[in-house]
Amino acid sequence: MTLIRWIFAIAVLSIWCALIGTGLYVAMYEAKEDLPEAEAIVVISGNAGQDGSLLGETQLRMDRAVALYDAGLAPRLVVSGGSSTGEAVAETMKAAAIAAGVPESAITVESNALSTLQNALFIADIEDINKAAPILLVTHRYHLPRANASFRWAGFSDITNVAADPDAGLQITPSLLWESVKWPLNILRAAAASAAQAGNVPREDYIKYLE
């Protein structure tokens, strides 16, 4: 019973630390007036309809990413997001970008990821992506710290966070609360995947556990 109590206490402490840390990041986030130029704008999907259609958060992320592209901050837009029920969200994101005026030739689609870790890992797999080159990472403020950590785990080294909701203020939302649970799980799953990689375990044997 003592071991169970310790495990429970560590789990609760981890969740509280994640919640406080994420909340502070959200509250203190300040949008940069002069963003650096980058090799690519990377935008991660959020929620979507069962048919893959864009919903609120994903649409906001796409709007921000297209604005960055229109400002000439990168020549390439990388959209990432899969689906377990139908058409990949990334395909709808691509269509939205094209409708907004982004040339199809400037858009790269990653359509298999079902989690933030997979977003990072599968984008890192794209052959002509230079992980040492600067990227602008677009998602919501509550998601940016975990997304940034995930992309660094996947090998990216020059990341500028760009919030899709820079002026929303601090709001206690279900997404923010859920993020406090996802952080410890993210760390555990990334550590397990790293151990599997070090042990030369084939990726197909563990990739589903990163969903």
C-alpha atoms as a PDB file:
ATOM      1  CA  MET A   1       0.000   0.000   0.000  1.00  0.00           C
ATOM      2  CA  THR A   2       2.881   2.354   0.744  1.00  0.00           C
ATOM      3  CA  LEU A   3       4.159   2.012  -2.842  1.00  0.00           C
ATOM      4  CA  ILE A   4       0.677   2.678  -4.224  1.00  0.00           C
ATOM      5  CA  ARG A   5       0.398   5.813  -2.088  1.00  0.00           C
ATOM      6  CA  TRP A   6       3.759   7.032  -3.329  1.00  0.00           C
ATOM      7  CA  ILE A   7       2.786   6.432  -6.952  1.00  0.00           C
ATOM      8  CA  PHE A   8      -0.517   8.235  -6.430  1.00  0.00           C
ATOM      9  CA  ALA A   9       1.215  11.146  -4.681  1.00  0.00           C
ATOM     10  CA  ILE A  10       3.785  11.489  -7.477  1.00  0.00           C
ATOM     11  CA  ALA A  11       1.024  11.386 -10.091  1.00  0.00           C
ATOM     12  CA  VAL A  12      -0.985  14.088  -8.321  1.00  0.00           C
ATOM     13  CA  LEU A  13       2.109  16.254  -7.822  1.00  0.00           C
ATOM     14  CA  SER A  14       3.060  15.879 -11.487  1.00  0.00           C
ATOM     15  CA  ILE A  15      -0.408  16.946 -12.606  1.00  0.00           C
ATOM     16  CA  TRP A  16      -0.389  19.969 -10.282  1.00  0.00           C
ATOM     17  CA  CYS A  17       3.066  21.026 -11.466  1.00  0.00           C
ATOM     18  CA  ALA A  18       1.976  20.676 -15.097  1.00  0.00           C
ATOM     19  CA  LEU A  19      -1.187  22.674 -14.461  1.00  0.00           C
ATOM     20  CA  ILE A  20       0.637  25.481 -12.649  1.00  0.00           C
ATOM     21  CA  GLY A  21       3.453  25.597 -15.203  1.00  0.00           C
ATOM     22  CA  THR A  22       1.116  25.638 -18.181  1.00  0.00           C
ATOM     23  CA  GLY A  23      -1.146  28.202 -16.539  1.00  0.00           C
ATOM     24  CA  LEU A  24       1.811  30.499 -15.900  1.00  0.00           C
ATOM     25  CA  TYR A  25       2.971  30.149 -19.491  1.00  0.00           C
ATOM     26  CA  VAL A  26      -0.506  30.989 -20.789  1.00  0.00           C
ATOM     27  CA  ALA A  27      -0.801  33.990 -18.455  1.00  0.00           C
ATOM     28  CA  MET A  28       2.666  35.356 -19.215  1.00  0.00           C
ATOM     29  CA  TYR A  29       2.747  34.701 -22.962  1.00  0.00           C
ATOM     30  CA  GLU A  30       3.599  37.798 -24.983  1.00  0.00           C
ATOM     31  CA  ALA A  31       3.393  37.767 -28.752  1.00  0.00           C
ATOM     32  CA  LYS A  32       6.649  38.821 -30.395  1.00  0.00           C
ATOM     33  CA  GLU A  33       6.337  41.841 -32.628  1.00  0.00           C
ATOM     34  CA  ASP A  34       9.250  40.787 -34.841  1.00  0.00           C
ATOM     35  CA  LEU A  35       9.190  37.064 -35.525  1.00  0.00           C
ATOM     36  CA  PRO A  36      12.278  35.555 -37.151  1.00  0.00           C
ATOM     37  CA  GLU A  37      12.203  34.197 -40.661  1.00  0.00           C
ATOM     38  CA  ALA A  38      12.100  30.416 -40.752  1.00  0.00           C
ATOM     39  CA  GLU A  39      12.381  27.491 -43.109  1.00  0.00           C
ATOM     40  CA  ALA A  40       8.841  26.346 -42.371  1.00  0.00           C
ATOM     41  CA  ILE A  41       5.655  27.229 -40.530  1.00  0.00           C
ATOM     42  CA  VAL A  42       4.475  24.111 -38.726  1.00  0.00           C
ATOM     43  CA  VAL A  43       0.833  24.044 -37.633  1.00  0.00           C
ATOM     44  CA  ILE A  44      -0.604  21.227 -35.513  1.00  0.00           C
ATOM     45  CA  SER A  45      -4.246  20.251 -35.799  1.00  0.00           C
ATOM     46  CA  GLY A  46      -6.587  20.547 -32.863  1.00  0.00           C
ATOM     47  CA  ASN A  47     -10.176  19.432 -32.756  1.00  0.00           C
ATOM     48  CA  ALA A  48     -12.011  18.432 -35.922  1.00  0.00           C
ATOM     49  CA  GLY A  49     -15.341  17.053 -37.030  1.00  0.00           C
ATOM     50  CA  GLN A  50     -15.827  13.360 -37.672  1.00  0.00           C
ATOM     51  CA  ASP A  51     -15.623  14.117 -41.383  1.00  0.00           C
ATOM     52  CA  GLY A  52     -12.264  15.854 -40.878  1.00  0.00           C
ATOM     53  CA  SER A  53     -13.733  19.347 -41.121  1.00  0.00           C
ATOM     54  CA  LEU A  54     -12.018  22.096 -39.196  1.00  0.00           C
ATOM     55  CA  LEU A  55     -13.499  23.224 -35.897  1.00  0.00           C
ATOM     56  CA  GLY A  56     -12.674  26.241 -33.715  1.00  0.00           C
ATOM     57  CA  GLU A  57      -9.112  25.642 -32.520  1.00  0.00           C
ATOM     58  CA  THR A  58      -7.815  24.122 -35.737  1.00  0.00           C
ATOM     59  CA  GLN A  59      -9.335  26.949 -37.770  1.00  0.00           C
ATOM     60  CA  LEU A  60      -7.680  29.547 -35.536  1.00  0.00           C
ATOM     61  CA  ARG A  61      -4.332  27.808 -35.909  1.00  0.00           C
ATOM     62  CA  MET A  62      -4.696  27.752 -39.677  1.00  0.00           C
ATOM     63  CA  ASP A  63      -5.664  31.433 -39.778  1.00  0.00           C
ATOM     64  CA  ARG A  64      -2.518  32.303 -37.813  1.00  0.00           C
ATOM     65  CA  ALA A  65      -0.296  30.087 -39.952  1.00  0.00           C
ATOM     66  CA  VAL A  66      -1.640  31.557 -43.203  1.00  0.00           C
ATOM     67  CA  ALA A  67      -1.075  35.069 -41.845  1.00  0.00           C
ATOM     68  CA  LEU A  68       2.549  34.166 -41.105  1.00  0.00           C
ATOM     69  CA  TYR A  69       2.959  32.785 -44.616  1.00  0.00           C
ATOM     70  CA  ASP A  70       1.390  35.895 -46.152  1.00  0.00           C
ATOM     71  CA  ALA A  71       3.830  38.011 -44.126  1.00  0.00           C
ATOM     72  CA  GLY A  72       6.694  36.204 -45.865  1.00  0.00           C
ATOM     73  CA  LEU A  73       8.124  34.635 -42.718  1.00  0.00           C
ATOM     74  CA  ALA A  74       8.635  31.216 -44.326  1.00  0.00           C
ATOM     75  CA  PRO A  75       8.321  29.753 -47.827  1.00  0.00           C
ATOM     76  CA  ARG A  76       6.663  26.581 -46.633  1.00  0.00           C
ATOM     77  CA  LEU A  77       3.623  25.546 -44.606  1.00  0.00           C
ATOM     78  CA  VAL A  78       3.611  22.129 -42.915  1.00  0.00           C
ATOM     79  CA  VAL A  79       0.225  20.918 -41.676  1.00  0.00           C
ATOM     80  CA  SER A  80      -0.047  17.884 -39.413  1.00  0.00           C
ATOM     81  CA  GLY A  81      -2.988  15.871 -38.170  1.00  0.00           C
ATOM     82  CA  GLY A  82      -4.507  12.476 -38.826  1.00  0.00           C
ATOM     83  CA  SER A  83      -7.877  10.959 -38.087  1.00  0.00           C
ATOM     84  CA  SER A  84      -9.069   7.631 -36.743  1.00  0.00           C
ATOM     85  CA  THR A  85     -12.522   7.981 -38.295  1.00  0.00           C
ATOM     86  CA  GLY A  86     -12.222   9.460 -41.766  1.00  0.00           C
ATOM     87  CA  GLU A  87     -10.239  11.882 -43.891  1.00  0.00           C
ATOM     88  CA  ALA A  88      -7.133  13.214 -42.198  1.00  0.00           C
ATOM     89  CA  VAL A  89      -7.530  16.643 -40.647  1.00  0.00           C
ATOM     90  CA  ALA A  90      -4.311  17.730 -42.379  1.00  0.00           C
ATOM     91  CA  GLU A  91      -5.971  17.293 -45.778  1.00  0.00           C
ATOM     92  CA  THR A  92      -8.734  19.692 -44.752  1.00  0.00           C
ATOM     93  CA  MET A  93      -6.115  22.067 -43.359  1.00  0.00           C
ATOM     94  CA  LYS A  94      -4.358  21.974 -46.735  1.00  0.00           C
ATOM     95  CA  ALA A  95      -7.624  22.762 -48.533  1.00  0.00           C
ATOM     96  CA  ALA A  96      -8.249  25.682 -46.160  1.00  0.00           C
ATOM     97  CA  ALA A  97      -4.762  27.050 -46.813  1.00  0.00           C
ATOM     98  CA  ILE A  98      -5.214  26.806 -50.577  1.00  0.00           C
ATOM     99  CA  ALA A  99      -8.585  28.552 -50.301  1.00  0.00           C
ATOM    100  CA  ALA A 100      -6.826  31.325 -48.360  1.00  0.00           C
ATOM    101  CA  GLY A 101      -4.341  31.814 -51.193  1.00  0.00           C
ATOM    102  CA  VAL A 102      -1.366  29.631 -50.204  1.00  0.00           C
ATOM    103  CA  PRO A 103       0.029  27.837 -53.282  1.00  0.00           C
ATOM    104  CA  GLU A 104      -0.364  24.068 -53.150  1.00  0.00           C
ATOM    105  CA  SER A 105       3.340  23.723 -53.956  1.00  0.00           C
ATOM    106  CA  ALA A 106       4.176  25.505 -50.677  1.00  0.00           C
ATOM    107  CA  ILE A 107       2.187  23.080 -48.497  1.00  0.00           C
ATOM    108  CA  THR A 108       3.483  19.830 -47.011  1.00  0.00           C
ATOM    109  CA  VAL A 109       0.947  17.438 -45.489  1.00  0.00           C
ATOM    110  CA  GLU A 110       1.612  15.011 -42.638  1.00  0.00           C
ATOM    111  CA  SER A 111      -1.631  13.040 -42.331  1.00  0.00           C
ATOM    112  CA  ASN A 112      -0.907  10.172 -39.931  1.00  0.00           C
ATOM    113  CA  ALA A 113      -0.269  11.769 -36.518  1.00  0.00           C
ATOM    114  CA  LEU A 114      -2.827  11.168 -33.774  1.00  0.00           C
ATOM    115  CA  SER A 115      -0.941  12.882 -30.938  1.00  0.00           C
ATOM    116  CA  THR A 116       1.546  15.674 -30.334  1.00  0.00           C
ATOM    117  CA  LEU A 117       4.431  13.215 -30.056  1.00  0.00           C
ATOM    118  CA  GLN A 118       3.448  11.723 -33.389  1.00  0.00           C
ATOM    119  CA  ASN A 119       3.112  15.210 -34.917  1.00  0.00           C
ATOM    120  CA  ALA A 120       6.726  15.862 -34.008  1.00  0.00           C
ATOM    121  CA  LEU A 121       8.067  12.433 -34.923  1.00  0.00           C
ATOM    122  CA  PHE A 122       6.313  12.145 -38.279  1.00  0.00           C
ATOM    123  CA  ILE A 123       7.234  15.672 -39.359  1.00  0.00           C
ATOM    124  CA  ALA A 124      10.842  14.898 -38.431  1.00  0.00           C
ATOM    125  CA  ASP A 125      10.608  11.921 -40.814  1.00  0.00           C
ATOM    126  CA  ILE A 126       9.874  14.109 -43.839  1.00  0.00           C
ATOM    127  CA  GLU A 127      12.961  13.779 -46.021  1.00  0.00           C
ATOM    128  CA  ASP A 128      13.452  17.415 -46.986  1.00  0.00           C
ATOM    129  CA  ILE A 129      12.802  18.807 -43.513  1.00  0.00           C
ATOM    130  CA  ASN A 130      15.986  20.139 -41.924  1.00  0.00           C
ATOM    131  CA  LYS A 131      15.580  19.665 -38.176  1.00  0.00           C
ATOM    132  CA  ALA A 132      18.409  22.114 -37.477  1.00  0.00           C
ATOM    133  CA  ALA A 133      16.724  24.901 -39.451  1.00  0.00           C
ATOM    134  CA  PRO A 134      14.372  27.384 -37.736  1.00  0.00           C
ATOM    135  CA  ILE A 135      10.653  26.671 -37.658  1.00  0.00           C
ATOM    136  CA  LEU A 136       7.642  28.636 -36.452  1.00  0.00           C
ATOM    137  CA  LEU A 137       5.467  26.299 -34.387  1.00  0.00           C
ATOM    138  CA  VAL A 138       1.795  27.293 -34.379  1.00  0.00           C
ATOM    139  CA  THR A 139      -0.741  26.029 -31.867  1.00  0.00           C
ATOM    140  CA  HIS A 140      -2.673  27.372 -28.852  1.00  0.00           C
ATOM    141  CA  ARG A 141      -0.869  28.832 -25.834  1.00  0.00           C
ATOM    142  CA  TYR A 142      -1.870  26.002 -23.484  1.00  0.00           C
ATOM    143  CA  HIS A 143      -0.417  23.508 -25.973  1.00  0.00           C
ATOM    144  CA  LEU A 144       2.780  25.332 -26.948  1.00  0.00           C
ATOM    145  CA  PRO A 145       5.036  24.189 -24.043  1.00  0.00           C
ATOM    146  CA  ARG A 146       4.259  20.495 -24.571  1.00  0.00           C
ATOM    147  CA  ALA A 147       4.392  20.834 -28.349  1.00  0.00           C
ATOM    148  CA  ASN A 148       7.776  22.573 -28.169  1.00  0.00           C
ATOM    149  CA  ALA A 149       9.136  19.859 -25.863  1.00  0.00           C
ATOM    150  CA  SER A 150       7.819  17.155 -28.185  1.00  0.00           C
ATOM    151  CA  PHE A 151       9.476  18.683 -31.250  1.00  0.00           C
ATOM    152  CA  ARG A 152      12.774  19.059 -29.400  1.00  0.00           C
ATOM    153  CA  TRP A 153      12.500  15.405 -28.377  1.00  0.00           C
ATOM    154  CA  ALA A 154      12.072  14.568 -32.072  1.00  0.00           C
ATOM    155  CA  GLY A 155      15.286  16.421 -32.932  1.00  0.00           C
ATOM    156  CA  PHE A 156      14.237  19.975 -33.837  1.00  0.00           C
ATOM    157  CA  SER A 157      16.550  22.547 -32.290  1.00  0.00           C
ATOM    158  CA  ASP A 158      15.470  26.010 -33.463  1.00  0.00           C
ATOM    159  CA  ILE A 159      11.802  26.533 -32.585  1.00  0.00           C
ATOM    160  CA  THR A 160       9.877  29.767 -32.192  1.00  0.00           C
ATOM    161  CA  ASN A 161       6.507  29.397 -30.476  1.00  0.00           C
ATOM    162  CA  VAL A 162       3.613  31.245 -32.111  1.00  0.00           C
ATOM    163  CA  ALA A 163       0.227  31.235 -30.391  1.00  0.00           C
ATOM    164  CA  ALA A 164      -2.981  31.049 -32.384  1.00  0.00           C
ATOM    165  CA  ASP A 165      -4.681  32.856 -29.488  1.00  0.00           C
ATOM    166  CA  PRO A 166      -2.125  35.452 -28.344  1.00  0.00           C
ATOM    167  CA  ASP A 167      -4.609  37.912 -26.819  1.00  0.00           C
ATOM    168  CA  ALA A 168      -7.169  35.648 -25.187  1.00  0.00           C
ATOM    169  CA  GLY A 169      -5.937  36.121 -21.615  1.00  0.00           C
ATOM    170  CA  LEU A 170      -5.908  33.400 -18.956  1.00  0.00           C
ATOM    171  CA  GLN A 171      -9.007  31.229 -19.082  1.00  0.00           C
ATOM    172  CA  ILE A 172      -9.531  28.011 -17.138  1.00  0.00           C
ATOM    173  CA  THR A 173     -10.799  25.782 -19.922  1.00  0.00           C
ATOM    174  CA  PRO A 174     -11.197  22.003 -20.224  1.00  0.00           C
ATOM    175  CA  SER A 175      -8.278  22.037 -22.668  1.00  0.00           C
ATOM    176  CA  LEU A 176      -5.997  23.695 -20.115  1.00  0.00           C
ATOM    177  CA  LEU A 177      -7.035  21.280 -17.370  1.00  0.00           C
ATOM    178  CA  TRP A 178      -6.630  18.267 -19.639  1.00  0.00           C
ATOM    179  CA  GLU A 179      -3.156  19.491 -20.599  1.00  0.00           C
ATOM    180  CA  SER A 180      -2.038  18.977 -17.000  1.00  0.00           C
ATOM    181  CA  VAL A 181      -2.814  15.274 -17.382  1.00  0.00           C
ATOM    182  CA  LYS A 182      -1.260  14.993 -20.832  1.00  0.00           C
ATOM    183  CA  TRP A 183       2.103  16.426 -19.710  1.00  0.00           C
ATOM    184  CA  PRO A 184       3.098  13.520 -17.397  1.00  0.00           C
ATOM    185  CA  LEU A 185       1.782  10.999 -19.933  1.00  0.00           C
ATOM    186  CA  ASN A 186       3.761  12.733 -22.667  1.00  0.00           C
ATOM    187  CA  ILE A 187       6.966  12.474 -20.653  1.00  0.00           C
ATOM    188  CA  LEU A 188       6.429   8.808 -19.809  1.00  0.00           C
ATOM    189  CA  ARG A 189       5.595   7.843 -23.383  1.00  0.00           C
ATOM    190  CA  ALA A 190       8.517   9.811 -24.827  1.00  0.00           C
ATOM    191  CA  ALA A 191      10.898   8.186 -22.343  1.00  0.00           C
ATOM    192  CA  ALA A 192       9.579   4.728 -23.198  1.00  0.00           C
ATOM    193  CA  ALA A 193       9.892   5.435 -26.936  1.00  0.00           C
ATOM    194  CA  SER A 194      13.463   6.689 -26.464  1.00  0.00           C
ATOM    195  CA  ALA A 195      14.332   3.516 -24.566  1.00  0.00           C
ATOM    196  CA  ALA A 196      12.794   1.447 -27.352  1.00  0.00           C
ATOM    197  CA  GLN A 197      14.817   3.345 -29.949  1.00  0.00           C
ATOM    198  CA  ALA A 198      18.004   2.815 -27.956  1.00  0.00           C
ATOM    199  CA  GLY A 199      17.207  -0.887 -27.808  1.00  0.00           C
ATOM    200  CA  ASN A 200      16.682  -1.026 -31.588  1.00  0.00           C
ATOM    201  CA  VAL A 201      13.035  -1.965 -31.188  1.00  0.00           C
ATOM    202  CA  PRO A 202      11.259  -1.545 -34.552  1.00  0.00           C
ATOM    203  CA  ARG A 203       9.128   1.587 -34.579  1.00  0.00           C
ATOM    204  CA  GLU A 204       6.025  -0.289 -35.664  1.00  0.00           C
ATOM    205  CA  ASP A 205       6.146  -2.173 -32.368  1.00  0.00           C
ATOM    206  CA  TYR A 206       5.756   0.938 -30.221  1.00  0.00           C
ATOM    207  CA  ILE A 207       4.432   3.778 -32.360  1.00  0.00           C
ATOM    208  CA  LYS A 208       0.785   3.003 -31.556  1.00  0.00           C
ATOM    209  CA  TYR A 209       1.516   3.664 -27.878  1.00  0.00           C
ATOM    210  CA  LEU A 210       2.356   7.272 -28.763  1.00  0.00           C
ATOM    211  CA  GLU A 211      -1.189   8.006 -29.988  1.00  0.00           C
END
